[in-house]
Every structure is written in structure tokens, then in C-alpha cells.
Amino acid sequence: MRIGELAAQAGLSKDTIRFYEKIGLVSGRRLPNGYRDFSPETVTWLHYVRTAQTLGFSLAEIGRSFEELRDAPDSAEALSALFEEKIRVIDTRMAELAALRADLDARVGTGCPLRVP
């Protein structure tokens, strides 16, 4: 399918698909007339990409996970492992943000907020 049809079915812009192609997330073959031709499975993959982004995964993480999932004997188990790792990353970041908030809170109302309290 051509890029316009893919964009319509995936709910993305052609520019987004071109960007994903540039960074290696999708690939299509070039027809003799220069048009891109994508397989129908690319629509499913693009829905996966968008869902993964909604769940907080970066495009780089999505690209890496695709390779892992493709080679995994059990993709559900592999996905669960990826989600567990993402939860650990989020928990660590939340703890860092809580510490930062406490530090900022301690500096509010001091004579010079940039001095160590």
C-alpha cells in the first residue's frame, strides 16, 4: 500500500511515517515509479508504536523492543518483562522527582534560594 493509504489507516501523517522510515521503525520498498510500497502488516506495527509511546516508551526503546519481541519465543512474556523494566524506571524517576521537590520546597522562602539550606 502507498504511504497515503498507510497514513489514513494508521491515523498518522505521511510526514510521521517518513520520519519513522528514516529512523528505521518502518520500511517499505520503492516501486519503479519511486512511490513507497508498505505491507498491510505495517498498519498493525504503527498501532503498536503509538500504543507503546502512550505507555511512555521512546521511539528508540520501541525500535529495540521490536527486535527483542520478534525473536522471543513468547511475546507476551517478553512484553511483560519490558513493562516490568519500564515500571522500575518510572519508580526510580518518581523517587528522584520527590527528592527534587523536597529540595525545592526547602529553599522556598529562604533569603537566597540557591544557597544550600
N, C-alpha and C. Protein backbone atom coordinates (compact mmCIF):
# COMPACT_ATOMS: atom_id res chain seq x y z
N MET A 1 0.85 -1.18 0.00
CA MET A 1 0.00 0.00 0.00
C MET A 1 0.89 1.23 0.00
N ARG A 2 0.39 2.29 -0.59
CA ARG A 2 1.15 3.54 -0.67
C ARG A 2 1.07 4.29 0.65
N ILE A 3 1.95 5.24 0.80
CA ILE A 3 2.10 5.96 2.06
C ILE A 3 0.82 6.70 2.47
N GLY A 4 0.08 7.24 1.52
CA GLY A 4 -1.15 7.94 1.85
C GLY A 4 -2.19 7.02 2.44
N GLU A 5 -2.33 5.84 1.87
CA GLU A 5 -3.28 4.86 2.39
C GLU A 5 -2.83 4.36 3.76
N LEU A 6 -1.53 4.12 3.92
CA LEU A 6 -0.99 3.70 5.21
C LEU A 6 -1.26 4.76 6.26
N ALA A 7 -1.01 6.01 5.92
CA ALA A 7 -1.23 7.11 6.86
C ALA A 7 -2.70 7.17 7.28
N ALA A 8 -3.59 7.02 6.34
CA ALA A 8 -5.03 7.07 6.65
C ALA A 8 -5.43 5.91 7.56
N GLN A 9 -4.97 4.71 7.25
CA GLN A 9 -5.34 3.54 8.05
C GLN A 9 -4.72 3.56 9.44
N ALA A 10 -3.53 4.12 9.54
CA ALA A 10 -2.83 4.16 10.83
C ALA A 10 -3.19 5.39 11.65
N GLY A 11 -3.84 6.38 11.01
CA GLY A 11 -4.18 7.61 11.72
C GLY A 11 -2.98 8.50 11.98
N LEU A 12 -2.02 8.46 11.09
CA LEU A 12 -0.80 9.26 11.21
C LEU A 12 -0.64 10.11 9.96
N SER A 13 0.26 11.07 10.05
CA SER A 13 0.56 11.87 8.86
C SER A 13 1.61 11.16 8.01
N LYS A 14 1.66 11.52 6.76
CA LYS A 14 2.69 10.97 5.88
C LYS A 14 4.08 11.37 6.38
N ASP A 15 4.19 12.59 6.91
CA ASP A 15 5.48 13.04 7.44
C ASP A 15 5.94 12.16 8.60
N THR A 16 5.02 11.77 9.46
CA THR A 16 5.37 10.90 10.58
C THR A 16 5.88 9.56 10.07
N ILE A 17 5.20 9.01 9.09
CA ILE A 17 5.63 7.73 8.52
C ILE A 17 6.99 7.87 7.85
N ARG A 18 7.21 8.97 7.15
CA ARG A 18 8.53 9.20 6.55
C ARG A 18 9.61 9.29 7.63
N PHE A 19 9.29 9.96 8.74
CA PHE A 19 10.25 10.05 9.85
C PHE A 19 10.53 8.67 10.42
N TYR A 20 9.48 7.89 10.65
CA TYR A 20 9.66 6.54 11.17
C TYR A 20 10.51 5.70 10.20
N GLU A 21 10.32 5.91 8.92
CA GLU A 21 11.12 5.20 7.93
C GLU A 21 12.58 5.65 8.01
N LYS A 22 12.79 6.93 8.18
CA LYS A 22 14.15 7.49 8.26
C LYS A 22 14.92 6.92 9.45
N ILE A 23 14.22 6.72 10.60
CA ILE A 23 14.90 6.21 11.79
C ILE A 23 14.86 4.69 11.89
N GLY A 24 14.25 4.04 10.89
CA GLY A 24 14.29 2.58 10.83
C GLY A 24 13.15 1.85 11.51
N LEU A 25 12.10 2.56 11.92
CA LEU A 25 10.97 1.87 12.56
C LEU A 25 10.06 1.18 11.56
N VAL A 26 9.97 1.70 10.36
CA VAL A 26 9.20 1.05 9.30
C VAL A 26 10.04 1.03 8.04
N SER A 27 9.70 0.12 7.17
CA SER A 27 10.39 0.12 5.88
C SER A 27 9.40 -0.28 4.80
N GLY A 28 9.60 0.31 3.69
CA GLY A 28 8.80 0.00 2.52
C GLY A 28 9.72 -0.13 1.32
N ARG A 29 9.26 -0.82 0.35
CA ARG A 29 10.10 -0.95 -0.85
C ARG A 29 9.71 0.17 -1.81
N ARG A 30 10.63 0.53 -2.64
CA ARG A 30 10.38 1.55 -3.66
C ARG A 30 9.92 0.88 -4.94
N LEU A 31 8.83 1.39 -5.45
CA LEU A 31 8.33 0.91 -6.74
C LEU A 31 9.13 1.58 -7.86
N PRO A 32 9.07 1.06 -9.07
CA PRO A 32 9.82 1.67 -10.19
C PRO A 32 9.48 3.15 -10.40
N ASN A 33 8.26 3.55 -10.06
CA ASN A 33 7.89 4.96 -10.23
C ASN A 33 8.33 5.83 -9.05
N GLY A 34 9.02 5.23 -8.07
CA GLY A 34 9.54 5.98 -6.93
C GLY A 34 8.62 6.00 -5.72
N TYR A 35 7.40 5.54 -5.87
CA TYR A 35 6.48 5.51 -4.73
C TYR A 35 6.92 4.46 -3.72
N ARG A 36 6.60 4.74 -2.46
CA ARG A 36 6.85 3.76 -1.41
C ARG A 36 5.70 2.75 -1.41
N ASP A 37 6.03 1.50 -1.11
CA ASP A 37 5.02 0.46 -1.00
C ASP A 37 5.22 -0.25 0.33
N PHE A 38 4.20 -0.22 1.19
CA PHE A 38 4.27 -0.81 2.51
C PHE A 38 3.36 -2.02 2.59
N SER A 39 3.75 -3.01 3.38
CA SER A 39 2.92 -4.19 3.55
C SER A 39 1.75 -3.84 4.48
N PRO A 40 0.65 -4.58 4.38
CA PRO A 40 -0.51 -4.34 5.25
C PRO A 40 -0.17 -4.49 6.74
N GLU A 41 0.82 -5.33 7.07
CA GLU A 41 1.21 -5.53 8.48
C GLU A 41 1.79 -4.26 9.09
N THR A 42 2.21 -3.32 8.26
CA THR A 42 2.77 -2.07 8.77
C THR A 42 1.73 -1.28 9.55
N VAL A 43 0.46 -1.40 9.20
CA VAL A 43 -0.61 -0.71 9.94
C VAL A 43 -0.63 -1.21 11.38
N THR A 44 -0.58 -2.53 11.56
CA THR A 44 -0.58 -3.12 12.91
C THR A 44 0.65 -2.65 13.68
N TRP A 45 1.79 -2.65 13.03
CA TRP A 45 3.03 -2.21 13.67
C TRP A 45 2.92 -0.76 14.11
N LEU A 46 2.37 0.11 13.27
CA LEU A 46 2.24 1.53 13.62
C LEU A 46 1.28 1.72 14.79
N HIS A 47 0.24 0.90 14.88
CA HIS A 47 -0.65 0.96 16.05
C HIS A 47 0.12 0.56 17.31
N TYR A 48 0.97 -0.45 17.18
CA TYR A 48 1.82 -0.86 18.29
C TYR A 48 2.74 0.29 18.72
N VAL A 49 3.35 0.94 17.75
CA VAL A 49 4.26 2.06 18.04
C VAL A 49 3.52 3.14 18.82
N ARG A 50 2.35 3.52 18.36
CA ARG A 50 1.58 4.59 19.01
C ARG A 50 1.16 4.18 20.43
N THR A 51 0.75 2.94 20.60
CA THR A 51 0.37 2.46 21.93
C THR A 51 1.58 2.46 22.86
N ALA A 52 2.70 1.98 22.37
CA ALA A 52 3.92 1.96 23.18
C ALA A 52 4.34 3.37 23.58
N GLN A 53 4.20 4.33 22.67
CA GLN A 53 4.52 5.72 23.01
C GLN A 53 3.58 6.22 24.10
N THR A 54 2.31 5.89 24.01
CA THR A 54 1.34 6.29 25.03
C THR A 54 1.72 5.71 26.39
N LEU A 55 2.31 4.53 26.39
CA LEU A 55 2.73 3.89 27.64
C LEU A 55 4.09 4.39 28.13
N GLY A 56 4.66 5.38 27.45
CA GLY A 56 5.88 6.01 27.92
C GLY A 56 7.17 5.51 27.31
N PHE A 57 7.08 4.67 26.30
CA PHE A 57 8.28 4.17 25.65
C PHE A 57 8.75 5.15 24.58
N SER A 58 10.05 5.38 24.52
CA SER A 58 10.61 6.25 23.48
C SER A 58 10.68 5.48 22.16
N LEU A 59 10.87 6.21 21.09
CA LEU A 59 10.99 5.56 19.78
C LEU A 59 12.21 4.63 19.75
N ALA A 60 13.29 5.03 20.42
CA ALA A 60 14.48 4.18 20.48
C ALA A 60 14.16 2.88 21.23
N GLU A 61 13.45 2.99 22.35
CA GLU A 61 13.06 1.79 23.09
C GLU A 61 12.15 0.89 22.26
N ILE A 62 11.24 1.51 21.53
CA ILE A 62 10.31 0.75 20.69
C ILE A 62 11.08 0.00 19.61
N GLY A 63 12.03 0.67 18.99
CA GLY A 63 12.85 0.02 17.97
C GLY A 63 13.62 -1.16 18.52
N ARG A 64 14.20 -0.99 19.70
CA ARG A 64 14.95 -2.10 20.33
C ARG A 64 14.00 -3.23 20.72
N SER A 65 12.85 -2.88 21.29
CA SER A 65 11.93 -3.92 21.75
C SER A 65 11.38 -4.73 20.60
N PHE A 66 11.21 -4.11 19.44
CA PHE A 66 10.70 -4.85 18.28
C PHE A 66 11.63 -6.00 17.94
N GLU A 67 12.92 -5.74 17.96
CA GLU A 67 13.88 -6.79 17.67
C GLU A 67 13.80 -7.90 18.72
N GLU A 68 13.69 -7.50 19.99
CA GLU A 68 13.59 -8.48 21.07
C GLU A 68 12.31 -9.30 20.95
N LEU A 69 11.19 -8.64 20.68
CA LEU A 69 9.91 -9.32 20.59
C LEU A 69 9.84 -10.25 19.38
N ARG A 70 10.43 -9.82 18.29
CA ARG A 70 10.42 -10.62 17.07
C ARG A 70 11.12 -11.96 17.29
N ASP A 71 12.20 -11.94 18.09
CA ASP A 71 12.99 -13.14 18.32
C ASP A 71 12.57 -13.91 19.56
N ALA A 72 11.64 -13.39 20.34
CA ALA A 72 11.22 -14.04 21.59
C ALA A 72 10.32 -15.23 21.31
N PRO A 73 10.53 -16.32 22.05
CA PRO A 73 9.64 -17.48 21.86
C PRO A 73 8.22 -17.19 22.36
N ASP A 74 8.09 -16.34 23.37
CA ASP A 74 6.77 -15.98 23.91
C ASP A 74 6.71 -14.46 24.00
N SER A 75 6.01 -13.83 23.05
CA SER A 75 5.99 -12.37 23.01
C SER A 75 5.25 -11.77 24.19
N ALA A 76 4.23 -12.47 24.72
CA ALA A 76 3.51 -11.95 25.89
C ALA A 76 4.44 -11.89 27.10
N GLU A 77 5.24 -12.91 27.28
CA GLU A 77 6.20 -12.93 28.38
C GLU A 77 7.26 -11.84 28.18
N ALA A 78 7.72 -11.69 26.96
CA ALA A 78 8.73 -10.68 26.65
C ALA A 78 8.16 -9.27 26.88
N LEU A 79 6.91 -9.05 26.49
CA LEU A 79 6.27 -7.75 26.72
C LEU A 79 6.13 -7.48 28.21
N SER A 80 5.74 -8.48 28.97
CA SER A 80 5.61 -8.31 30.41
C SER A 80 6.94 -7.92 31.03
N ALA A 81 8.01 -8.52 30.57
CA ALA A 81 9.34 -8.17 31.08
C ALA A 81 9.69 -6.73 30.73
N LEU A 82 9.35 -6.29 29.51
CA LEU A 82 9.60 -4.90 29.13
C LEU A 82 8.79 -3.95 30.01
N PHE A 83 7.54 -4.30 30.28
CA PHE A 83 6.69 -3.45 31.12
C PHE A 83 7.24 -3.39 32.55
N GLU A 84 7.69 -4.52 33.07
CA GLU A 84 8.25 -4.53 34.43
C GLU A 84 9.49 -3.64 34.51
N GLU A 85 10.33 -3.69 33.49
CA GLU A 85 11.51 -2.82 33.47
C GLU A 85 11.10 -1.36 33.39
N LYS A 86 10.10 -1.05 32.58
CA LYS A 86 9.63 0.34 32.46
C LYS A 86 9.08 0.83 33.80
N ILE A 87 8.37 -0.04 34.51
CA ILE A 87 7.85 0.32 35.84
C ILE A 87 8.99 0.64 36.79
N ARG A 88 10.06 -0.15 36.75
CA ARG A 88 11.23 0.13 37.60
C ARG A 88 11.84 1.50 37.27
N VAL A 89 11.94 1.80 35.99
CA VAL A 89 12.48 3.09 35.56
C VAL A 89 11.58 4.22 36.06
N ILE A 90 10.28 4.05 35.93
CA ILE A 90 9.33 5.08 36.39
C ILE A 90 9.42 5.26 37.89
N ASP A 91 9.49 4.16 38.64
CA ASP A 91 9.60 4.25 40.10
C ASP A 91 10.87 5.00 40.52
N THR A 92 11.98 4.72 39.84
CA THR A 92 13.23 5.42 40.13
C THR A 92 13.09 6.90 39.85
N ARG A 93 12.50 7.22 38.72
CA ARG A 93 12.31 8.63 38.33
C ARG A 93 11.38 9.34 39.30
N MET A 94 10.33 8.66 39.75
CA MET A 94 9.40 9.26 40.72
C MET A 94 10.12 9.57 42.04
N ALA A 95 11.00 8.68 42.47
CA ALA A 95 11.77 8.91 43.70
C ALA A 95 12.70 10.11 43.51
N GLU A 96 13.34 10.20 42.35
CA GLU A 96 14.22 11.34 42.06
C GLU A 96 13.42 12.65 42.05
N LEU A 97 12.24 12.62 41.46
CA LEU A 97 11.40 13.83 41.41
C LEU A 97 10.90 14.21 42.80
N ALA A 98 10.59 13.23 43.64
CA ALA A 98 10.16 13.52 45.02
C ALA A 98 11.30 14.19 45.80
N ALA A 99 12.52 13.70 45.63
CA ALA A 99 13.67 14.30 46.29
C ALA A 99 13.91 15.72 45.78
N LEU A 100 13.77 15.92 44.48
CA LEU A 100 13.92 17.25 43.90
C LEU A 100 12.86 18.19 44.44
N ARG A 101 11.63 17.72 44.54
CA ARG A 101 10.54 18.55 45.07
C ARG A 101 10.83 18.94 46.52
N ALA A 102 11.30 18.00 47.31
CA ALA A 102 11.63 18.29 48.71
C ALA A 102 12.73 19.33 48.80
N ASP A 103 13.74 19.21 47.96
CA ASP A 103 14.84 20.18 47.94
C ASP A 103 14.32 21.56 47.56
N LEU A 104 13.49 21.65 46.53
CA LEU A 104 12.92 22.94 46.13
C LEU A 104 12.04 23.52 47.24
N ASP A 105 11.25 22.66 47.86
CA ASP A 105 10.36 23.10 48.93
C ASP A 105 11.17 23.67 50.10
N ALA A 106 12.32 23.06 50.41
CA ALA A 106 13.16 23.54 51.50
C ALA A 106 13.77 24.91 51.18
N ARG A 107 13.91 25.24 49.93
CA ARG A 107 14.52 26.51 49.53
C ARG A 107 13.51 27.66 49.41
N VAL A 108 12.23 27.34 49.37
CA VAL A 108 11.21 28.39 49.25
C VAL A 108 11.23 29.24 50.51
N GLY A 109 11.25 30.55 50.32
CA GLY A 109 11.20 31.47 51.44
C GLY A 109 12.54 31.73 52.10
N THR A 110 13.61 31.15 51.58
CA THR A 110 14.93 31.44 52.15
C THR A 110 15.45 32.72 51.53
N GLY A 111 16.42 33.33 52.17
CA GLY A 111 16.96 34.60 51.67
C GLY A 111 17.51 34.48 50.27
N CYS A 112 18.22 33.42 50.01
CA CYS A 112 18.76 33.17 48.67
C CYS A 112 18.48 31.70 48.34
N PRO A 113 17.52 31.45 47.50
CA PRO A 113 17.12 30.07 47.22
C PRO A 113 18.20 29.20 46.61
N LEU A 114 19.29 29.81 46.11
CA LEU A 114 20.34 28.99 45.50
C LEU A 114 21.40 28.55 46.50
N ARG A 115 21.35 29.06 47.75
CA ARG A 115 22.27 28.59 48.80
C ARG A 115 21.78 27.25 49.31
N VAL A 116 22.72 26.43 49.72
CA VAL A 116 22.37 25.14 50.30
C VAL A 116 21.73 25.41 51.66
N PRO A 117 20.52 24.87 51.91
CA PRO A 117 19.86 25.11 53.20
C PRO A 117 20.55 24.42 54.35
